[in-house]
Amino acid sequence: MLARIFKPSKNAMQSGKAKTKDWMLEFEPSAARRPDALMGWTQTTDTASSQVQLSFETKEEAVRYADQHGIAFQLFDDKPARRIIKAYADNFAFGRKFPWTH
């Protein structure tokens, strides 16, 4: 059973960084999802991939847990956030490339 260790990214629907500080351990699906004949919802027989998510404070804790329990894993390092610093005063800067108009 293969697992992924990653740091979740910020949701597009939130402006803050809630739930992005911890490292997650998720299992890769071992069986394909298929539609239910009666309702049409997707179903799987593998509960570990769809229902189990483990949260750790550090990357080392997640790796240590996977090693202790014999879980093969892939480690995805997080990318630093690229910040674009903008100020309202930049609209009126002398060296502005394009004129500011309404």
PDB file of N, CA and C in Angstrom:
ATOM      1  N   MET A   1       0.845  -1.163   0.000  1.00  0.00           N
ATOM      2  CA  MET A   1       0.000   0.000   0.000  1.00  0.00           C
ATOM      3  C   MET A   1       0.897   1.236   0.000  1.00  0.00           C
ATOM      4  N   LEU A   2       0.681   2.094  -0.975  1.00  0.00           N
ATOM      5  CA  LEU A   2       1.500   3.289  -1.145  1.00  0.00           C
ATOM      6  C   LEU A   2       0.786   4.482  -0.522  1.00  0.00           C
ATOM      7  N   ALA A   3       1.565   5.360   0.100  1.00  0.00           N
ATOM      8  CA  ALA A   3       0.999   6.553   0.728  1.00  0.00           C
ATOM      9  C   ALA A   3       1.708   7.790   0.203  1.00  0.00           C
ATOM     10  N   ARG A   4       1.038   8.935   0.332  1.00  0.00           N
ATOM     11  CA  ARG A   4       1.615  10.228  -0.025  1.00  0.00           C
ATOM     12  C   ARG A   4       1.761  11.049   1.238  1.00  0.00           C
ATOM     13  N   ILE A   5       2.912  11.690   1.399  1.00  0.00           N
ATOM     14  CA  ILE A   5       3.124  12.622   2.496  1.00  0.00           C
ATOM     15  C   ILE A   5       3.304  13.987   1.861  1.00  0.00           C
ATOM     16  N   PHE A   6       2.435  14.922   2.235  1.00  0.00           N
ATOM     17  CA  PHE A   6       2.461  16.237   1.609  1.00  0.00           C
ATOM     18  C   PHE A   6       1.929  17.275   2.583  1.00  0.00           C
ATOM     19  N   LYS A   7       2.172  18.511   2.255  1.00  0.00           N
ATOM     20  CA  LYS A   7       1.627  19.631   3.008  1.00  0.00           C
ATOM     21  C   LYS A   7       0.524  20.238   2.152  1.00  0.00           C
ATOM     22  N   PRO A   8      -0.729  20.242   2.613  1.00  0.00           N
ATOM     23  CA  PRO A   8      -1.820  20.692   1.755  1.00  0.00           C
ATOM     24  C   PRO A   8      -1.710  22.171   1.413  1.00  0.00           C
ATOM     25  N   SER A   9      -2.179  22.507   0.233  1.00  0.00           N
ATOM     26  CA  SER A   9      -2.142  23.897  -0.201  1.00  0.00           C
ATOM     27  C   SER A   9      -3.394  24.626   0.267  1.00  0.00           C
ATOM     28  N   LYS A  10      -3.378  25.914   0.142  1.00  0.00           N
ATOM     29  CA  LYS A  10      -4.501  26.741   0.554  1.00  0.00           C
ATOM     30  C   LYS A  10      -5.666  26.520  -0.398  1.00  0.00           C
ATOM     31  N   ASN A  11      -6.843  26.403   0.148  1.00  0.00           N
ATOM     32  CA  ASN A  11      -8.038  26.234  -0.647  1.00  0.00           C
ATOM     33  C   ASN A  11      -8.342  27.530  -1.390  1.00  0.00           C
ATOM     34  N   ALA A  12      -8.869  27.451  -2.581  1.00  0.00           N
ATOM     35  CA  ALA A  12      -9.185  28.646  -3.356  1.00  0.00           C
ATOM     36  C   ALA A  12     -10.336  29.433  -2.750  1.00  0.00           C
ATOM     37  N   MET A  13     -11.140  28.812  -1.921  1.00  0.00           N
ATOM     38  CA  MET A  13     -12.295  29.478  -1.333  1.00  0.00           C
ATOM     39  C   MET A  13     -11.971  30.179  -0.021  1.00  0.00           C
ATOM     40  N   GLN A  14     -10.745  30.087   0.454  1.00  0.00           N
ATOM     41  CA  GLN A  14     -10.403  30.725   1.713  1.00  0.00           C
ATOM     42  C   GLN A  14      -9.294  31.739   1.492  1.00  0.00           C
ATOM     43  N   SER A  15      -9.332  32.799   2.277  1.00  0.00           N
ATOM     44  CA  SER A  15      -8.290  33.803   2.148  1.00  0.00           C
ATOM     45  C   SER A  15      -7.154  33.562   3.132  1.00  0.00           C
ATOM     46  N   GLY A  16      -7.408  32.839   4.201  1.00  0.00           N
ATOM     47  CA  GLY A  16      -6.382  32.557   5.195  1.00  0.00           C
ATOM     48  C   GLY A  16      -5.652  31.265   4.890  1.00  0.00           C
ATOM     49  N   LYS A  17      -4.804  30.870   5.809  1.00  0.00           N
ATOM     50  CA  LYS A  17      -4.006  29.656   5.610  1.00  0.00           C
ATOM     51  C   LYS A  17      -4.364  28.579   6.624  1.00  0.00           C
ATOM     52  N   ALA A  18      -5.648  28.465   6.952  1.00  0.00           N
ATOM     53  CA  ALA A  18      -6.091  27.443   7.892  1.00  0.00           C
ATOM     54  C   ALA A  18      -5.879  26.055   7.301  1.00  0.00           C
ATOM     55  N   LYS A  19      -5.490  25.131   8.129  1.00  0.00           N
ATOM     56  CA  LYS A  19      -5.291  23.718   7.759  1.00  0.00           C
ATOM     57  C   LYS A  19      -4.196  23.518   6.715  1.00  0.00           C
ATOM     58  N   THR A  20      -3.228  24.423   6.652  1.00  0.00           N
ATOM     59  CA  THR A  20      -2.118  24.245   5.714  1.00  0.00           C
ATOM     60  C   THR A  20      -0.788  24.095   6.435  1.00  0.00           C
ATOM     61  N   LYS A  21      -0.797  24.083   7.747  1.00  0.00           N
ATOM     62  CA  LYS A  21       0.460  24.019   8.496  1.00  0.00           C
ATOM     63  C   LYS A  21       0.894  22.581   8.780  1.00  0.00           C
ATOM     64  N   ASP A  22      -0.050  21.651   8.858  1.00  0.00           N
ATOM     65  CA  ASP A  22       0.276  20.260   9.181  1.00  0.00           C
ATOM     66  C   ASP A  22       0.615  19.472   7.924  1.00  0.00           C
ATOM     67  N   TRP A  23       1.330  18.382   8.120  1.00  0.00           N
ATOM     68  CA  TRP A  23       1.661  17.456   7.037  1.00  0.00           C
ATOM     69  C   TRP A  23       0.644  16.328   7.051  1.00  0.00           C
ATOM     70  N   MET A  24       0.198  15.907   5.873  1.00  0.00           N
ATOM     71  CA  MET A  24      -0.824  14.877   5.748  1.00  0.00           C
ATOM     72  C   MET A  24      -0.225  13.594   5.177  1.00  0.00           C
ATOM     73  N   LEU A  25      -0.738  12.472   5.650  1.00  0.00           N
ATOM     74  CA  LEU A  25      -0.388  11.171   5.092  1.00  0.00           C
ATOM     75  C   LEU A  25      -1.685  10.583   4.553  1.00  0.00           C
ATOM     76  N   GLU A  26      -1.757  10.408   3.242  1.00  0.00           N
ATOM     77  CA  GLU A  26      -2.926   9.832   2.576  1.00  0.00           C
ATOM     78  C   GLU A  26      -2.501   8.587   1.823  1.00  0.00           C
ATOM     79  N   PHE A  27      -3.373   7.611   1.770  1.00  0.00           N
ATOM     80  CA  PHE A  27      -3.093   6.385   1.027  1.00  0.00           C
ATOM     81  C   PHE A  27      -3.570   6.531  -0.411  1.00  0.00           C
ATOM     82  N   GLU A  28      -2.784   6.006  -1.336  1.00  0.00           N
ATOM     83  CA  GLU A  28      -3.176   5.987  -2.746  1.00  0.00           C
ATOM     84  C   GLU A  28      -4.270   4.935  -2.926  1.00  0.00           C
ATOM     85  N   PRO A  29      -5.224   5.168  -3.816  1.00  0.00           N
ATOM     86  CA  PRO A  29      -6.275   4.170  -4.027  1.00  0.00           C
ATOM     87  C   PRO A  29      -5.700   2.894  -4.652  1.00  0.00           C
ATOM     88  N   SER A  30      -6.103   1.769  -4.093  1.00  0.00           N
ATOM     89  CA  SER A  30      -5.624   0.490  -4.618  1.00  0.00           C
ATOM     90  C   SER A  30      -6.642  -0.147  -5.564  1.00  0.00           C
ATOM     91  N   ALA A  31      -7.868   0.360  -5.535  1.00  0.00           N
ATOM     92  CA  ALA A  31      -8.897  -0.155  -6.430  1.00  0.00           C
ATOM     93  C   ALA A  31      -9.567   1.023  -7.132  1.00  0.00           C
ATOM     94  N   ALA A  32     -10.008   0.788  -8.346  1.00  0.00           N
ATOM     95  CA  ALA A  32     -10.657   1.856  -9.109  1.00  0.00           C
ATOM     96  C   ALA A  32     -12.066   2.097  -8.576  1.00  0.00           C
ATOM     97  N   ARG A  33     -12.507   3.341  -8.693  1.00  0.00           N
ATOM     98  CA  ARG A  33     -13.874   3.675  -8.303  1.00  0.00           C
ATOM     99  C   ARG A  33     -14.807   3.313  -9.455  1.00  0.00           C
ATOM    100  N   ARG A  34     -15.993   2.848  -9.118  1.00  0.00           N
ATOM    101  CA  ARG A  34     -16.959   2.489 -10.146  1.00  0.00           C
ATOM    102  C   ARG A  34     -18.337   2.999  -9.737  1.00  0.00           C
ATOM    103  N   PRO A  35     -19.211   3.253 -10.689  1.00  0.00           N
ATOM    104  CA  PRO A  35     -20.530   3.789 -10.338  1.00  0.00           C
ATOM    105  C   PRO A  35     -21.436   2.711  -9.745  1.00  0.00           C
ATOM    106  N   ASP A  36     -22.231   3.136  -8.784  1.00  0.00           N
ATOM    107  CA  ASP A  36     -23.218   2.246  -8.184  1.00  0.00           C
ATOM    108  C   ASP A  36     -24.357   2.027  -9.183  1.00  0.00           C
ATOM    109  N   ALA A  37     -24.851   0.807  -9.292  1.00  0.00           N
ATOM    110  CA  ALA A  37     -25.877   0.493 -10.286  1.00  0.00           C
ATOM    111  C   ALA A  37     -27.205   1.174  -9.973  1.00  0.00           C
ATOM    112  N   LEU A  38     -27.551   1.307  -8.702  1.00  0.00           N
ATOM    113  CA  LEU A  38     -28.848   1.856  -8.337  1.00  0.00           C
ATOM    114  C   LEU A  38     -28.858   3.387  -8.333  1.00  0.00           C
ATOM    115  N   MET A  39     -27.925   3.998  -7.633  1.00  0.00           N
ATOM    116  CA  MET A  39     -27.948   5.451  -7.447  1.00  0.00           C
ATOM    117  C   MET A  39     -27.036   6.205  -8.413  1.00  0.00           C
ATOM    118  N   GLY A  40     -26.017   5.554  -8.939  1.00  0.00           N
ATOM    119  CA  GLY A  40     -25.091   6.211  -9.835  1.00  0.00           C
ATOM    120  C   GLY A  40     -23.925   6.889  -9.126  1.00  0.00           C
ATOM    121  N   TRP A  41     -23.879   6.810  -7.797  1.00  0.00           N
ATOM    122  CA  TRP A  41     -22.760   7.382  -7.059  1.00  0.00           C
ATOM    123  C   TRP A  41     -21.540   6.500  -7.236  1.00  0.00           C
ATOM    124  N   THR A  42     -20.366   7.078  -7.077  1.00  0.00           N
ATOM    125  CA  THR A  42     -19.161   6.263  -7.199  1.00  0.00           C
ATOM    126  C   THR A  42     -18.900   5.547  -5.883  1.00  0.00           C
ATOM    127  N   GLN A  43     -18.387   4.348  -6.005  1.00  0.00           N
ATOM    128  CA  GLN A  43     -18.096   3.546  -4.824  1.00  0.00           C
ATOM    129  C   GLN A  43     -16.784   2.821  -5.016  1.00  0.00           C
ATOM    130  N   THR A  44     -16.204   2.408  -3.918  1.00  0.00           N
ATOM    131  CA  THR A  44     -14.973   1.634  -3.947  1.00  0.00           C
ATOM    132  C   THR A  44     -14.972   0.670  -2.773  1.00  0.00           C
ATOM    133  N   THR A  45     -14.203  -0.372  -2.890  1.00  0.00           N
ATOM    134  CA  THR A  45     -14.087  -1.334  -1.798  1.00  0.00           C
ATOM    135  C   THR A  45     -12.916  -0.996  -0.889  1.00  0.00           C
ATOM    136  N   ASP A  46     -12.117  -0.027  -1.284  1.00  0.00           N
ATOM    137  CA  ASP A  46     -10.932   0.355  -0.520  1.00  0.00           C
ATOM    138  C   ASP A  46     -11.268   1.529   0.399  1.00  0.00           C
ATOM    139  N   THR A  47     -11.410   1.273   1.696  1.00  0.00           N
ATOM    140  CA  THR A  47     -11.748   2.349   2.626  1.00  0.00           C
ATOM    141  C   THR A  47     -10.527   3.154   3.055  1.00  0.00           C
ATOM    142  N   ALA A  48      -9.344   2.570   2.955  1.00  0.00           N
ATOM    143  CA  ALA A  48      -8.140   3.279   3.423  1.00  0.00           C
ATOM    144  C   ALA A  48      -7.841   4.497   2.564  1.00  0.00           C
ATOM    145  N   SER A  49      -8.062   4.411   1.265  1.00  0.00           N
ATOM    146  CA  SER A  49      -7.710   5.534   0.394  1.00  0.00           C
ATOM    147  C   SER A  49      -8.732   6.660   0.456  1.00  0.00           C
ATOM    148  N   SER A  50      -9.983   6.346   0.732  1.00  0.00           N
ATOM    149  CA  SER A  50     -10.996   7.394   0.690  1.00  0.00           C
ATOM    150  C   SER A  50     -11.359   7.945   2.060  1.00  0.00           C
ATOM    151  N   GLN A  51     -11.025   7.240   3.148  1.00  0.00           N
ATOM    152  CA  GLN A  51     -11.490   7.669   4.459  1.00  0.00           C
ATOM    153  C   GLN A  51     -10.380   7.921   5.469  1.00  0.00           C
ATOM    154  N   VAL A  52      -9.156   7.530   5.178  1.00  0.00           N
ATOM    155  CA  VAL A  52      -8.088   7.656   6.159  1.00  0.00           C
ATOM    156  C   VAL A  52      -7.119   8.758   5.746  1.00  0.00           C
ATOM    157  N   GLN A  53      -7.012   9.778   6.594  1.00  0.00           N
ATOM    158  CA  GLN A  53      -6.032  10.842   6.423  1.00  0.00           C
ATOM    159  C   GLN A  53      -5.408  11.081   7.792  1.00  0.00           C
ATOM    160  N   LEU A  54      -4.098  10.977   7.868  1.00  0.00           N
ATOM    161  CA  LEU A  54      -3.402  11.206   9.121  1.00  0.00           C
ATOM    162  C   LEU A  54      -2.709  12.546   9.062  1.00  0.00           C
ATOM    163  N   SER A  55      -2.752  13.284  10.157  1.00  0.00           N
ATOM    164  CA  SER A  55      -2.175  14.618  10.215  1.00  0.00           C
ATOM    165  C   SER A  55      -1.009  14.616  11.198  1.00  0.00           C
ATOM    166  N   PHE A  56       0.104  15.254  10.807  1.00  0.00           N
ATOM    167  CA  PHE A  56       1.300  15.345  11.634  1.00  0.00           C
ATOM    168  C   PHE A  56       1.788  16.787  11.658  1.00  0.00           C
ATOM    169  N   GLU A  57       2.438  17.177  12.754  1.00  0.00           N
ATOM    170  CA  GLU A  57       2.925  18.550  12.867  1.00  0.00           C
ATOM    171  C   GLU A  57       4.163  18.790  12.017  1.00  0.00           C
ATOM    172  N   THR A  58       5.021  17.788  11.867  1.00  0.00           N
ATOM    173  CA  THR A  58       6.243  17.966  11.088  1.00  0.00           C
ATOM    174  C   THR A  58       6.365  16.858  10.048  1.00  0.00           C
ATOM    175  N   LYS A  59       7.208  17.122   9.066  1.00  0.00           N
ATOM    176  CA  LYS A  59       7.473  16.140   8.017  1.00  0.00           C
ATOM    177  C   LYS A  59       8.178  14.917   8.592  1.00  0.00           C
ATOM    178  N   GLU A  60       9.076  15.145   9.545  1.00  0.00           N
ATOM    179  CA  GLU A  60       9.831  14.035  10.137  1.00  0.00           C
ATOM    180  C   GLU A  60       8.917  13.072  10.889  1.00  0.00           C
ATOM    181  N   GLU A  61       7.885  13.606  11.568  1.00  0.00           N
ATOM    182  CA  GLU A  61       6.944  12.735  12.272  1.00  0.00           C
ATOM    183  C   GLU A  61       6.185  11.841  11.292  1.00  0.00           C
ATOM    184  N   ALA A  62       5.779  12.389  10.176  1.00  0.00           N
ATOM    185  CA  ALA A  62       5.041  11.613   9.173  1.00  0.00           C
ATOM    186  C   ALA A  62       5.923  10.524   8.568  1.00  0.00           C
ATOM    187  N   VAL A  63       7.175  10.870   8.273  1.00  0.00           N
ATOM    188  CA  VAL A  63       8.097   9.887   7.709  1.00  0.00           C
ATOM    189  C   VAL A  63       8.392   8.787   8.733  1.00  0.00           C
ATOM    190  N   ARG A  64       8.590   9.184   9.992  1.00  0.00           N
ATOM    191  CA  ARG A  64       8.867   8.197  11.045  1.00  0.00           C
ATOM    192  C   ARG A  64       7.683   7.253  11.225  1.00  0.00           C
ATOM    193  N   TYR A  65       6.462   7.771  11.183  1.00  0.00           N
ATOM    194  CA  TYR A  65       5.270   6.934  11.315  1.00  0.00           C
ATOM    195  C   TYR A  65       5.200   5.919  10.173  1.00  0.00           C
ATOM    196  N   ALA A  66       5.440   6.390   8.953  1.00  0.00           N
ATOM    197  CA  ALA A  66       5.383   5.488   7.800  1.00  0.00           C
ATOM    198  C   ALA A  66       6.464   4.416   7.891  1.00  0.00           C
ATOM    199  N   ASP A  67       7.659   4.778   8.338  1.00  0.00           N
ATOM    200  CA  ASP A  67       8.732   3.794   8.478  1.00  0.00           C
ATOM    201  C   ASP A  67       8.427   2.774   9.568  1.00  0.00           C
ATOM    202  N   GLN A  68       7.885   3.229  10.697  1.00  0.00           N
ATOM    203  CA  GLN A  68       7.588   2.316  11.804  1.00  0.00           C
ATOM    204  C   GLN A  68       6.497   1.320  11.451  1.00  0.00           C
ATOM    205  N   HIS A  69       5.549   1.725  10.616  1.00  0.00           N
ATOM    206  CA  HIS A  69       4.446   0.838  10.270  1.00  0.00           C
ATOM    207  C   HIS A  69       4.644   0.142   8.921  1.00  0.00           C
ATOM    208  N   GLY A  70       5.802   0.291   8.312  1.00  0.00           N
ATOM    209  CA  GLY A  70       6.106  -0.404   7.071  1.00  0.00           C
ATOM    210  C   GLY A  70       5.281   0.068   5.885  1.00  0.00           C
ATOM    211  N   ILE A  71       4.993   1.348   5.832  1.00  0.00           N
ATOM    212  CA  ILE A  71       4.181   1.902   4.747  1.00  0.00           C
ATOM    213  C   ILE A  71       5.119   2.537   3.728  1.00  0.00           C
ATOM    214  N   ALA A  72       5.036   2.090   2.485  1.00  0.00           N
ATOM    215  CA  ALA A  72       5.811   2.725   1.417  1.00  0.00           C
ATOM    216  C   ALA A  72       5.187   4.081   1.124  1.00  0.00           C
ATOM    217  N   PHE A  73       6.021   5.095   0.927  1.00  0.00           N
ATOM    218  CA  PHE A  73       5.468   6.437   0.756  1.00  0.00           C
ATOM    219  C   PHE A  73       6.241   7.232  -0.273  1.00  0.00           C
ATOM    220  N   GLN A  74       5.578   8.264  -0.784  1.00  0.00           N
ATOM    221  CA  GLN A  74       6.194   9.271  -1.637  1.00  0.00           C
ATOM    222  C   GLN A  74       6.131  10.578  -0.863  1.00  0.00           C
ATOM    223  N   LEU A  75       7.231  11.306  -0.846  1.00  0.00           N
ATOM    224  CA  LEU A  75       7.304  12.555  -0.107  1.00  0.00           C
ATOM    225  C   LEU A  75       7.261  13.717  -1.094  1.00  0.00           C
ATOM    226  N   PHE A  76       6.286  14.594  -0.937  1.00  0.00           N
ATOM    227  CA  PHE A  76       6.149  15.776  -1.774  1.00  0.00           C
ATOM    228  C   PHE A  76       6.462  16.996  -0.919  1.00  0.00           C
ATOM    229  N   ASP A  77       7.602  17.644  -1.183  1.00  0.00           N
ATOM    230  CA  ASP A  77       7.973  18.834  -0.427  1.00  0.00           C
ATOM    231  C   ASP A  77       7.104  19.999  -0.864  1.00  0.00           C
ATOM    232  N   ASP A  78       6.857  20.899   0.074  1.00  0.00           N
ATOM    233  CA  ASP A  78       6.025  22.057  -0.244  1.00  0.00           C
ATOM    234  C   ASP A  78       6.854  23.137  -0.915  1.00  0.00           C
ATOM    235  N   LYS A  79       6.202  23.867  -1.803  1.00  0.00           N
ATOM    236  CA  LYS A  79       6.861  24.968  -2.482  1.00  0.00           C
ATOM    237  C   LYS A  79       6.609  26.238  -1.678  1.00  0.00           C
ATOM    238  N   PRO A  80       7.580  27.091  -1.544  1.00  0.00           N
ATOM    239  CA  PRO A  80       7.316  28.340  -0.823  1.00  0.00           C
ATOM    240  C   PRO A  80       6.349  29.217  -1.613  1.00  0.00           C
ATOM    241  N   ALA A  81       5.501  29.905  -0.889  1.00  0.00           N
ATOM    242  CA  ALA A  81       4.505  30.759  -1.536  1.00  0.00           C
ATOM    243  C   ALA A  81       5.194  31.959  -2.174  1.00  0.00           C
ATOM    244  N   ARG A  82       4.796  32.252  -3.392  1.00  0.00           N
ATOM    245  CA  ARG A  82       5.345  33.390  -4.110  1.00  0.00           C
ATOM    246  C   ARG A  82       4.481  34.598  -3.795  1.00  0.00           C
ATOM    247  N   ARG A  83       5.045  35.572  -3.145  1.00  0.00           N
ATOM    248  CA  ARG A  83       4.283  36.746  -2.731  1.00  0.00           C
ATOM    249  C   ARG A  83       4.565  37.905  -3.673  1.00  0.00           C
ATOM    250  N   ILE A  84       3.517  38.525  -4.138  1.00  0.00           N
ATOM    251  CA  ILE A  84       3.637  39.706  -4.978  1.00  0.00           C
ATOM    252  C   ILE A  84       3.204  40.894  -4.120  1.00  0.00           C
ATOM    253  N   ILE A  85       4.156  41.729  -3.793  1.00  0.00           N
ATOM    254  CA  ILE A  85       3.875  42.847  -2.910  1.00  0.00           C
ATOM    255  C   ILE A  85       3.460  44.038  -3.757  1.00  0.00           C
ATOM    256  N   LYS A  86       2.263  44.526  -3.498  1.00  0.00           N
ATOM    257  CA  LYS A  86       1.728  45.654  -4.233  1.00  0.00           C
ATOM    258  C   LYS A  86       1.293  46.721  -3.234  1.00  0.00           C
ATOM    259  N   ALA A  87       1.405  47.956  -3.637  1.00  0.00           N
ATOM    260  CA  ALA A  87       0.939  49.063  -2.820  1.00  0.00           C
ATOM    261  C   ALA A  87       0.121  50.002  -3.694  1.00  0.00           C
ATOM    262  N   TYR A  88      -0.842  50.653  -3.074  1.00  0.00           N
ATOM    263  CA  TYR A  88      -1.682  51.585  -3.807  1.00  0.00           C
ATOM    264  C   TYR A  88      -0.857  52.763  -4.322  1.00  0.00           C
ATOM    265  N   ALA A  89       0.177  53.124  -3.596  1.00  0.00           N
ATOM    266  CA  ALA A  89       1.017  54.252  -3.999  1.00  0.00           C
ATOM    267  C   ALA A  89       1.771  53.965  -5.298  1.00  0.00           C
ATOM    268  N   ASP A  90       1.933  52.700  -5.654  1.00  0.00           N
ATOM    269  CA  ASP A  90       2.622  52.362  -6.900  1.00  0.00           C
ATOM    270  C   ASP A  90       1.839  52.845  -8.127  1.00  0.00           C
ATOM    271  N   ASN A  91       0.539  53.082  -7.991  1.00  0.00           N
ATOM    272  CA  ASN A  91      -0.252  53.604  -9.109  1.00  0.00           C
ATOM    273  C   ASN A  91       0.200  55.002  -9.505  1.00  0.00           C
ATOM    274  N   PHE A  92       0.768  55.747  -8.570  1.00  0.00           N
ATOM    275  CA  PHE A  92       1.148  57.138  -8.804  1.00  0.00           C
ATOM    276  C   PHE A  92       2.654  57.333  -8.853  1.00  0.00           C
ATOM    277  N   ALA A  93       3.412  56.266  -8.993  1.00  0.00           N
ATOM    278  CA  ALA A  93       4.871  56.367  -8.989  1.00  0.00           C
ATOM    279  C   ALA A  93       5.359  57.117 -10.231  1.00  0.00           C
ATOM    280  N   PHE A  94       6.458  57.836 -10.079  1.00  0.00           N
ATOM    281  CA  PHE A  94       7.013  58.623 -11.171  1.00  0.00           C
ATOM    282  C   PHE A  94       7.531  57.721 -12.296  1.00  0.00           C
ATOM    283  N   GLY A  95       8.122  56.598 -11.923  1.00  0.00           N
ATOM    284  CA  GLY A  95       8.710  55.700 -12.920  1.00  0.00           C
ATOM    285  C   GLY A  95       7.739  54.646 -13.437  1.00  0.00           C
ATOM    286  N   ARG A  96       6.449  54.881 -13.359  1.00  0.00           N
ATOM    287  CA  ARG A  96       5.447  53.918 -13.818  1.00  0.00           C
ATOM    288  C   ARG A  96       5.525  53.773 -15.339  1.00  0.00           C
ATOM    289  N   LYS A  97       5.408  52.552 -15.841  1.00  0.00           N
ATOM    290  CA  LYS A  97       5.563  52.293 -17.279  1.00  0.00           C
ATOM    291  C   LYS A  97       4.340  52.752 -18.077  1.00  0.00           C
ATOM    292  N   PHE A  98       3.152  52.615 -17.521  1.00  0.00           N
ATOM    293  CA  PHE A  98       1.932  52.985 -18.212  1.00  0.00           C
ATOM    294  C   PHE A  98       1.236  54.084 -17.414  1.00  0.00           C
ATOM    295  N   PRO A  99       0.615  55.031 -18.060  1.00  0.00           N
ATOM    296  CA  PRO A  99      -0.075  56.094 -17.311  1.00  0.00           C
ATOM    297  C   PRO A  99      -1.291  55.535 -16.573  1.00  0.00           C
ATOM    298  N   TRP A 100      -1.531  56.088 -15.413  1.00  0.00           N
ATOM    299  CA  TRP A 100      -2.669  55.651 -14.619  1.00  0.00           C
ATOM    300  C   TRP A 100      -3.876  56.515 -14.947  1.00  0.00           C
ATOM    301  N   THR A 101      -4.928  55.915 -15.449  1.00  0.00           N
ATOM    302  CA  THR A 101      -6.149  56.660 -15.765  1.00  0.00           C
ATOM    303  C   THR A 101      -7.342  55.861 -15.261  1.00  0.00           C
ATOM    304  N   HIS A 102      -8.493  56.501 -15.266  1.00  0.00           N
ATOM    305  CA  HIS A 102      -9.710  55.809 -14.826  1.00  0.00           C
ATOM    306  C   HIS A 102     -10.268  55.041 -15.955  1.00  0.00           C
TER     307      HIS A 102
END
